[in-house]
Amino acid sequence: MRFFVGALALAVICVLFGSPAAFVLGWSPLSAGDRQKASSVAAKPEARAEAQTERKPAG
């Protein structure tokens, strides 16, 4: 029983601190298009050059 209470407490702490940190740091889930780009870059070395040129400048 103590294990489940501890696991629930840890999950609550991760949500309470993780969500605001992710929001502040700008982390967000990948969209479907971004996932496809990432998988094509990982699968094909020539796709890496294309992905580098498509990347938007930060700011």
PDB file of N, CA and C in Angstrom:
ATOM      1  N   MET A   1       0.825  -1.204   0.000  1.00  0.00           N
ATOM      2  CA  MET A   1       0.000   0.000   0.000  1.00  0.00           C
ATOM      3  C   MET A   1       0.867   1.265   0.000  1.00  0.00           C
ATOM      4  N   ARG A   2       1.954   1.217   0.771  1.00  0.00           N
ATOM      5  CA  ARG A   2       2.831   2.393   0.822  1.00  0.00           C
ATOM      6  C   ARG A   2       3.457   2.666  -0.550  1.00  0.00           C
ATOM      7  N   PHE A   3       3.721   1.598  -1.312  1.00  0.00           N
ATOM      8  CA  PHE A   3       4.299   1.774  -2.638  1.00  0.00           C
ATOM      9  C   PHE A   3       3.359   2.579  -3.535  1.00  0.00           C
ATOM     10  N   PHE A   4       2.066   2.252  -3.501  1.00  0.00           N
ATOM     11  CA  PHE A   4       1.100   2.950  -4.352  1.00  0.00           C
ATOM     12  C   PHE A   4       0.932   4.410  -3.942  1.00  0.00           C
ATOM     13  N   VAL A   5       0.947   4.653  -2.643  1.00  0.00           N
ATOM     14  CA  VAL A   5       0.845   6.041  -2.168  1.00  0.00           C
ATOM     15  C   VAL A   5       2.087   6.827  -2.603  1.00  0.00           C
ATOM     16  N   GLY A   6       3.253   6.216  -2.490  1.00  0.00           N
ATOM     17  CA  GLY A   6       4.490   6.872  -2.916  1.00  0.00           C
ATOM     18  C   GLY A   6       4.519   7.118  -4.419  1.00  0.00           C
ATOM     19  N   ALA A   7       4.056   6.137  -5.178  1.00  0.00           N
ATOM     20  CA  ALA A   7       4.027   6.296  -6.634  1.00  0.00           C
ATOM     21  C   ALA A   7       3.050   7.395  -7.044  1.00  0.00           C
ATOM     22  N   LEU A   8       1.907   7.445  -6.385  1.00  0.00           N
ATOM     23  CA  LEU A   8       0.932   8.501  -6.678  1.00  0.00           C
ATOM     24  C   LEU A   8       1.490   9.867  -6.298  1.00  0.00           C
ATOM     25  N   ALA A   9       2.149   9.956  -5.158  1.00  0.00           N
ATOM     26  CA  ALA A   9       2.742  11.224  -4.740  1.00  0.00           C
ATOM     27  C   ALA A   9       3.820  11.664  -5.727  1.00  0.00           C
ATOM     28  N   LEU A  10       4.636  10.734  -6.194  1.00  0.00           N
ATOM     29  CA  LEU A  10       5.678  11.066  -7.163  1.00  0.00           C
ATOM     30  C   LEU A  10       5.074  11.545  -8.484  1.00  0.00           C
ATOM     31  N   ALA A  11       4.011  10.903  -8.909  1.00  0.00           N
ATOM     32  CA  ALA A  11       3.347  11.322 -10.147  1.00  0.00           C
ATOM     33  C   ALA A  11       2.770  12.728 -10.006  1.00  0.00           C
ATOM     34  N   VAL A  12       2.169  13.020  -8.864  1.00  0.00           N
ATOM     35  CA  VAL A  12       1.603  14.353  -8.635  1.00  0.00           C
ATOM     36  C   VAL A  12       2.704  15.404  -8.608  1.00  0.00           C
ATOM     37  N   ILE A  13       3.815  15.103  -7.961  1.00  0.00           N
ATOM     38  CA  ILE A  13       4.936  16.043  -7.899  1.00  0.00           C
ATOM     39  C   ILE A  13       5.498  16.292  -9.300  1.00  0.00           C
ATOM     40  N   CYS A  14       5.629  15.232 -10.086  1.00  0.00           N
ATOM     41  CA  CYS A  14       6.148  15.396 -11.460  1.00  0.00           C
ATOM     42  C   CYS A  14       5.224  16.265 -12.299  1.00  0.00           C
ATOM     43  N   VAL A  15       3.925  16.087 -12.145  1.00  0.00           N
ATOM     44  CA  VAL A  15       2.970  16.903 -12.907  1.00  0.00           C
ATOM     45  C   VAL A  15       3.006  18.345 -12.428  1.00  0.00           C
ATOM     46  N   LEU A  16       3.057  18.549 -11.124  1.00  0.00           N
ATOM     47  CA  LEU A  16       3.040  19.919 -10.586  1.00  0.00           C
ATOM     48  C   LEU A  16       4.267  20.718 -10.995  1.00  0.00           C
ATOM     49  N   PHE A  17       5.424  20.064 -11.015  1.00  0.00           N
ATOM     50  CA  PHE A  17       6.652  20.784 -11.357  1.00  0.00           C
ATOM     51  C   PHE A  17       7.029  20.632 -12.825  1.00  0.00           C
ATOM     52  N   GLY A  18       6.657  19.542 -13.444  1.00  0.00           N
ATOM     53  CA  GLY A  18       7.052  19.290 -14.823  1.00  0.00           C
ATOM     54  C   GLY A  18       6.277  20.112 -15.828  1.00  0.00           C
ATOM     55  N   SER A  19       4.985  20.254 -15.619  1.00  0.00           N
ATOM     56  CA  SER A  19       4.162  21.006 -16.579  1.00  0.00           C
ATOM     57  C   SER A  19       4.555  22.479 -16.657  1.00  0.00           C
ATOM     58  N   PRO A  20       4.687  23.165 -15.534  1.00  0.00           N
ATOM     59  CA  PRO A  20       5.125  24.569 -15.639  1.00  0.00           C
ATOM     60  C   PRO A  20       6.527  24.712 -16.230  1.00  0.00           C
ATOM     61  N   ALA A  21       7.413  23.795 -15.883  1.00  0.00           N
ATOM     62  CA  ALA A  21       8.773  23.862 -16.434  1.00  0.00           C
ATOM     63  C   ALA A  21       8.737  23.663 -17.944  1.00  0.00           C
ATOM     64  N   ALA A  22       7.943  22.726 -18.400  1.00  0.00           N
ATOM     65  CA  ALA A  22       7.826  22.493 -19.842  1.00  0.00           C
ATOM     66  C   ALA A  22       7.226  23.707 -20.532  1.00  0.00           C
ATOM     67  N   PHE A  23       6.266  24.339 -19.913  1.00  0.00           N
ATOM     68  CA  PHE A  23       5.654  25.540 -20.493  1.00  0.00           C
ATOM     69  C   PHE A  23       6.661  26.680 -20.570  1.00  0.00           C
ATOM     70  N   VAL A  24       7.404  26.898 -19.485  1.00  0.00           N
ATOM     71  CA  VAL A  24       8.370  27.999 -19.445  1.00  0.00           C
ATOM     72  C   VAL A  24       9.501  27.762 -20.441  1.00  0.00           C
ATOM     73  N   LEU A  25       9.962  26.528 -20.549  1.00  0.00           N
ATOM     74  CA  LEU A  25      11.084  26.233 -21.428  1.00  0.00           C
ATOM     75  C   LEU A  25      10.669  26.028 -22.873  1.00  0.00           C
ATOM     76  N   GLY A  26       9.373  26.009 -23.134  1.00  0.00           N
ATOM     77  CA  GLY A  26       8.893  25.921 -24.495  1.00  0.00           C
ATOM     78  C   GLY A  26       8.845  24.523 -25.054  1.00  0.00           C
ATOM     79  N   TRP A  27       8.857  23.519 -24.180  1.00  0.00           N
ATOM     80  CA  TRP A  27       8.751  22.153 -24.675  1.00  0.00           C
ATOM     81  C   TRP A  27       7.308  21.866 -25.005  1.00  0.00           C
ATOM     82  N   SER A  28       7.088  21.199 -26.124  1.00  0.00           N
ATOM     83  CA  SER A  28       5.737  20.826 -26.509  1.00  0.00           C
ATOM     84  C   SER A  28       5.804  19.528 -27.291  1.00  0.00           C
ATOM     85  N   PRO A  29       4.713  18.808 -27.330  1.00  0.00           N
ATOM     86  CA  PRO A  29       4.718  17.574 -28.115  1.00  0.00           C
ATOM     87  C   PRO A  29       4.924  17.872 -29.595  1.00  0.00           C
ATOM     88  N   LEU A  30       5.534  16.944 -30.293  1.00  0.00           N
ATOM     89  CA  LEU A  30       5.752  17.120 -31.730  1.00  0.00           C
ATOM     90  C   LEU A  30       4.440  16.955 -32.483  1.00  0.00           C
ATOM     91  N   SER A  31       4.261  17.770 -33.501  1.00  0.00           N
ATOM     92  CA  SER A  31       3.105  17.580 -34.368  1.00  0.00           C
ATOM     93  C   SER A  31       3.381  16.389 -35.282  1.00  0.00           C
ATOM     94  N   ALA A  32       2.371  15.954 -35.997  1.00  0.00           N
ATOM     95  CA  ALA A  32       2.535  14.802 -36.887  1.00  0.00           C
ATOM     96  C   ALA A  32       3.579  15.095 -37.961  1.00  0.00           C
ATOM     97  N   GLY A  33       3.575  16.312 -38.507  1.00  0.00           N
ATOM     98  CA  GLY A  33       4.554  16.666 -39.531  1.00  0.00           C
ATOM     99  C   GLY A  33       5.970  16.672 -38.997  1.00  0.00           C
ATOM    100  N   ASP A  34       6.143  17.177 -37.776  1.00  0.00           N
ATOM    101  CA  ASP A  34       7.470  17.190 -37.177  1.00  0.00           C
ATOM    102  C   ASP A  34       7.967  15.774 -36.908  1.00  0.00           C
ATOM    103  N   ARG A  35       7.051  14.885 -36.497  1.00  0.00           N
ATOM    104  CA  ARG A  35       7.445  13.496 -36.264  1.00  0.00           C
ATOM    105  C   ARG A  35       7.900  12.837 -37.563  1.00  0.00           C
ATOM    106  N   GLN A  36       7.213  13.139 -38.658  1.00  0.00           N
ATOM    107  CA  GLN A  36       7.605  12.550 -39.937  1.00  0.00           C
ATOM    108  C   GLN A  36       8.965  13.068 -40.377  1.00  0.00           C
ATOM    109  N   LYS A  37       9.215  14.359 -40.159  1.00  0.00           N
ATOM    110  CA  LYS A  37      10.524  14.913 -40.509  1.00  0.00           C
ATOM    111  C   LYS A  37      11.615  14.260 -39.674  1.00  0.00           C
ATOM    112  N   ALA A  38      11.360  14.092 -38.380  1.00  0.00           N
ATOM    113  CA  ALA A  38      12.363  13.510 -37.490  1.00  0.00           C
ATOM    114  C   ALA A  38      12.649  12.069 -37.871  1.00  0.00           C
ATOM    115  N   SER A  39      11.620  11.302 -38.217  1.00  0.00           N
ATOM    116  CA  SER A  39      11.850   9.906 -38.581  1.00  0.00           C
ATOM    117  C   SER A  39      12.571   9.803 -39.919  1.00  0.00           C
ATOM    118  N   SER A  40      12.292  10.704 -40.857  1.00  0.00           N
ATOM    119  CA  SER A  40      12.983  10.645 -42.142  1.00  0.00           C
ATOM    120  C   SER A  40      14.440  11.059 -41.991  1.00  0.00           C
ATOM    121  N   VAL A  41      14.718  11.989 -41.096  1.00  0.00           N
ATOM    122  CA  VAL A  41      16.102  12.402 -40.854  1.00  0.00           C
ATOM    123  C   VAL A  41      16.872  11.267 -40.207  1.00  0.00           C
ATOM    124  N   ALA A  42      16.238  10.555 -39.289  1.00  0.00           N
ATOM    125  CA  ALA A  42      16.915   9.442 -38.628  1.00  0.00           C
ATOM    126  C   ALA A  42      17.138   8.282 -39.590  1.00  0.00           C
ATOM    127  N   ALA A  43      16.225   8.094 -40.543  1.00  0.00           N
ATOM    128  CA  ALA A  43      16.318   6.948 -41.442  1.00  0.00           C
ATOM    129  C   ALA A  43      17.285   7.198 -42.599  1.00  0.00           C
ATOM    130  N   LYS A  44      17.334   8.425 -43.118  1.00  0.00           N
ATOM    131  CA  LYS A  44      18.128   8.693 -44.321  1.00  0.00           C
ATOM    132  C   LYS A  44      19.136   9.807 -44.056  1.00  0.00           C
ATOM    133  N   PRO A  45      20.404   9.535 -44.245  1.00  0.00           N
ATOM    134  CA  PRO A  45      21.406  10.585 -44.022  1.00  0.00           C
ATOM    135  C   PRO A  45      21.232  11.781 -44.952  1.00  0.00           C
ATOM    136  N   GLU A  46      20.779  11.560 -46.206  1.00  0.00           N
ATOM    137  CA  GLU A  46      20.631  12.696 -47.127  1.00  0.00           C
ATOM    138  C   GLU A  46      19.487  13.612 -46.700  1.00  0.00           C
ATOM    139  N   ALA A  47      18.558  13.088 -45.895  1.00  0.00           N
ATOM    140  CA  ALA A  47      17.454  13.919 -45.428  1.00  0.00           C
ATOM    141  C   ALA A  47      17.919  14.911 -44.361  1.00  0.00           C
ATOM    142  N   ARG A  48      19.058  14.625 -43.739  1.00  0.00           N
ATOM    143  CA  ARG A  48      19.561  15.547 -42.713  1.00  0.00           C
ATOM    144  C   ARG A  48      19.883  16.910 -43.305  1.00  0.00           C
ATOM    145  N   ALA A  49      20.477  16.924 -44.497  1.00  0.00           N
ATOM    146  CA  ALA A  49      20.815  18.196 -45.141  1.00  0.00           C
ATOM    147  C   ALA A  49      19.546  18.983 -45.447  1.00  0.00           C
ATOM    148  N   GLU A  50      18.495  18.286 -45.901  1.00  0.00           N
ATOM    149  CA  GLU A  50      17.226  18.964 -46.173  1.00  0.00           C
ATOM    150  C   GLU A  50      16.622  19.528 -44.904  1.00  0.00           C
ATOM    151  N   ALA A  51      16.683  18.766 -43.818  1.00  0.00           N
ATOM    152  CA  ALA A  51      16.114  19.225 -42.551  1.00  0.00           C
ATOM    153  C   ALA A  51      16.874  20.443 -42.027  1.00  0.00           C
ATOM    154  N   GLN A  52      18.189  20.469 -42.229  1.00  0.00           N
ATOM    155  CA  GLN A  52      18.978  21.611 -41.769  1.00  0.00           C
ATOM    156  C   GLN A  52      18.592  22.879 -42.527  1.00  0.00           C
ATOM    157  N   THR A  53      18.300  22.757 -43.811  1.00  0.00           N
ATOM    158  CA  THR A  53      17.963  23.944 -44.593  1.00  0.00           C
ATOM    159  C   THR A  53      16.539  24.405 -44.306  1.00  0.00           C
ATOM    160  N   GLU A  54      15.646  23.490 -43.884  1.00  0.00           N
ATOM    161  CA  GLU A  54      14.260  23.859 -43.593  1.00  0.00           C
ATOM    162  C   GLU A  54      14.091  24.461 -42.208  1.00  0.00           C
ATOM    163  N   ARG A  55      15.075  24.312 -41.353  1.00  0.00           N
ATOM    164  CA  ARG A  55      14.952  24.768 -39.980  1.00  0.00           C
ATOM    165  C   ARG A  55      14.821  26.284 -39.925  1.00  0.00           C
ATOM    166  N   LYS A  56      13.858  26.751 -39.149  1.00  0.00           N
ATOM    167  CA  LYS A  56      13.635  28.193 -38.999  1.00  0.00           C
ATOM    168  C   LYS A  56      14.625  28.752 -37.987  1.00  0.00           C
ATOM    169  N   PRO A  57      15.064  29.982 -38.151  1.00  0.00           N
ATOM    170  CA  PRO A  57      15.957  30.575 -37.162  1.00  0.00           C
ATOM    171  C   PRO A  57      15.213  30.828 -35.861  1.00  0.00           C
ATOM    172  N   ALA A  58      15.908  30.627 -34.748  1.00  0.00           N
ATOM    173  CA  ALA A  58      15.302  30.840 -33.430  1.00  0.00           C
ATOM    174  C   ALA A  58      15.087  32.315 -33.192  1.00  0.00           C
ATOM    175  N   GLY A  59      14.003  32.606 -32.494  1.00  0.00           N
ATOM    176  CA  GLY A  59      13.807  34.003 -32.135  1.00  0.00           C
ATOM    177  C   GLY A  59      12.563  34.557 -32.504  1.00  0.00           C
TER     178      GLY A  59
END
